[in-house]
C-alpha cells in the first residue's frame, strides 16, 4: 500500500503488526534492563536455587533416570547443510509456502535448532 504525503511523494506503508512487534520487544527489553530486584524476587530466587540444589544432592548424576529421547529425526541430507543454506531454505519456505514460525530472529538459534526447524517445516506430518 502506498500513501501520498503532503508534497505528493510516495511512501510505502509499514506493516502495523511488525511495528507493534518491534515496539513490544523494545518495551520488554527496557523493562528487563530497568528492573530492580525486590526482596520478594531475591527470596524466590534463593528458594528456587535451594530446591534445585536439593534435587541434585538427592540423585547422583549416574543414577538419574533420563527420559527416553523424543523429538525430530533430522534427515541425513539436512545434516550436510551449512548454516547459510539452512537459513536460506527456511526463508524460502517462509516466502513461497506461507510458512510461519514463532522465532522472530533466526540468528539466535544453533545450527541444530535450524535443522530441527527445517525438518519440521518440510515434513510436519512426521513430527
Protein backbone atom coordinates (compact mmCIF):
# COMPACT_ATOMS: atom_id res chain seq x y z
CA UNK A 1 0.00 0.00 0.00
CA UNK A 2 1.28 3.45 -0.81
CA UNK A 3 0.40 6.78 0.74
CA UNK A 4 0.79 10.21 -0.75
CA UNK A 5 2.43 12.71 1.54
CA UNK A 6 1.68 16.42 1.59
CA UNK A 7 4.08 17.07 -1.25
CA UNK A 8 2.92 14.19 -3.41
CA UNK A 9 5.84 11.92 -2.52
CA UNK A 10 5.07 8.24 -2.41
CA UNK A 11 5.89 6.30 0.74
CA UNK A 12 5.38 2.60 1.28
CA UNK A 13 3.15 1.88 4.29
CA UNK A 14 4.76 -0.21 7.00
CA UNK A 15 3.28 -3.40 8.36
CA UNK A 16 1.45 -2.40 11.58
CA UNK A 17 2.00 -5.85 13.12
CA UNK A 18 5.75 -5.63 12.54
CA UNK A 19 5.79 -2.14 14.06
CA UNK A 20 3.86 -3.31 17.13
CA UNK A 21 6.12 -6.35 17.48
CA UNK A 22 9.22 -4.14 17.41
CA UNK A 23 7.70 -1.74 19.94
CA UNK A 24 6.73 -4.55 22.33
CA UNK A 25 10.21 -6.06 22.01
CA UNK A 26 11.83 -2.71 22.84
CA UNK A 27 9.50 -2.10 25.81
CA UNK A 28 10.19 -5.59 27.21
CA UNK A 29 13.95 -5.18 26.78
CA UNK A 30 13.87 -1.79 28.50
CA UNK A 31 11.74 -3.16 31.35
CA UNK A 32 14.20 -6.03 31.86
CA UNK A 33 17.15 -3.59 31.93
CA UNK A 34 15.40 -1.22 34.35
CA UNK A 35 14.11 -3.91 36.74
CA UNK A 36 15.49 -3.66 40.26
CA UNK A 37 15.02 -6.94 42.15
CA UNK A 38 12.85 -6.69 45.25
CA UNK A 39 13.25 -8.62 48.47
CA UNK A 40 10.46 -10.91 47.24
CA UNK A 41 12.38 -11.55 43.98
CA UNK A 42 15.52 -12.43 45.94
CA UNK A 43 13.60 -14.79 48.27
CA UNK A 44 12.06 -16.56 45.28
CA UNK A 45 15.47 -16.92 43.60
CA UNK A 46 17.08 -18.31 46.79
CA UNK A 47 14.19 -20.77 47.19
CA UNK A 48 14.39 -21.91 43.58
CA UNK A 49 18.16 -22.41 43.82
CA UNK A 50 17.81 -24.29 47.12
CA UNK A 51 15.17 -26.59 45.62
CA UNK A 52 17.37 -27.27 42.61
CA UNK A 53 20.36 -27.98 44.84
CA UNK A 54 18.29 -30.43 46.94
CA UNK A 55 17.26 -32.29 43.78
CA UNK A 56 20.87 -32.55 42.63
CA UNK A 57 22.00 -33.71 46.08
CA UNK A 58 19.37 -36.47 46.19
CA UNK A 59 20.29 -38.15 42.90
CA UNK A 60 23.93 -38.53 41.88
CA UNK A 61 24.35 -37.85 38.13
CA UNK A 62 24.92 -41.50 37.26
CA UNK A 63 21.72 -42.60 38.98
CA UNK A 64 19.36 -40.14 37.34
CA UNK A 65 16.72 -41.67 35.16
CA UNK A 66 16.86 -39.98 31.81
CA UNK A 67 13.63 -39.82 29.87
CA UNK A 68 13.56 -41.54 26.51
CA UNK A 69 14.63 -39.16 23.80
CA UNK A 70 11.78 -37.94 21.72
CA UNK A 71 11.73 -35.35 19.08
CA UNK A 72 12.51 -34.69 15.49
CA UNK A 73 14.50 -37.03 13.31
CA UNK A 74 16.76 -34.93 11.12
CA UNK A 75 17.17 -36.42 7.64
CA UNK A 76 20.79 -37.06 6.57
CA UNK A 77 20.54 -34.52 3.74
CA UNK A 78 19.86 -31.76 6.28
CA UNK A 79 22.83 -32.80 8.42
CA UNK A 80 25.12 -31.99 5.49
CA UNK A 81 23.89 -28.40 5.06
CA UNK A 82 25.79 -25.44 6.48
CA UNK A 83 24.17 -22.58 8.38
CA UNK A 84 23.78 -20.23 5.41
CA UNK A 85 21.96 -22.84 3.34
CA UNK A 86 19.72 -23.78 6.30
CA UNK A 87 18.77 -20.12 6.78
CA UNK A 88 18.17 -19.66 3.05
CA UNK A 89 15.92 -22.71 2.85
CA UNK A 90 13.86 -21.63 5.86
CA UNK A 91 13.45 -18.13 4.42
CA UNK A 92 12.49 -19.57 1.02
CA UNK A 93 9.82 -21.74 2.64
CA UNK A 94 8.57 -18.71 4.54
CA UNK A 95 8.13 -16.75 1.30
CA UNK A 96 6.96 -19.46 -1.07
CA UNK A 97 4.91 -21.76 1.13
CA UNK A 98 3.48 -19.16 3.51
CA UNK A 99 5.28 -20.82 6.41
CA UNK A 100 5.06 -19.11 9.80
CA UNK A 101 7.25 -19.70 12.83
CA UNK A 102 7.43 -18.06 16.24
CA UNK A 103 11.15 -17.26 16.32
CA UNK A 104 11.46 -13.67 15.10
CA UNK A 105 15.21 -13.77 14.58
CA UNK A 106 16.85 -16.97 13.42
CA UNK A 107 20.32 -15.65 14.31
CA UNK A 108 19.93 -16.74 17.93
CA UNK A 109 19.35 -20.39 17.00
CA UNK A 110 22.05 -23.04 16.82
CA UNK A 111 22.69 -24.99 13.62
CA UNK A 112 20.96 -27.97 15.27
CA UNK A 113 17.91 -25.82 16.06
CA UNK A 114 17.77 -24.69 12.43
CA UNK A 115 17.97 -28.30 11.20
CA UNK A 116 15.14 -29.31 13.55
CA UNK A 117 13.04 -26.36 12.37
CA UNK A 118 13.68 -27.14 8.71
CA UNK A 119 12.93 -30.85 9.21
CA UNK A 120 9.61 -29.95 10.86
CA UNK A 121 8.74 -27.44 8.15
CA UNK A 122 9.49 -29.90 5.36
CA UNK A 123 7.51 -32.77 6.87
CA UNK A 124 5.11 -31.55 9.60
CA UNK A 125 3.06 -34.78 9.49
CA UNK A 126 6.05 -36.84 10.69
CA UNK A 127 6.72 -34.86 13.86
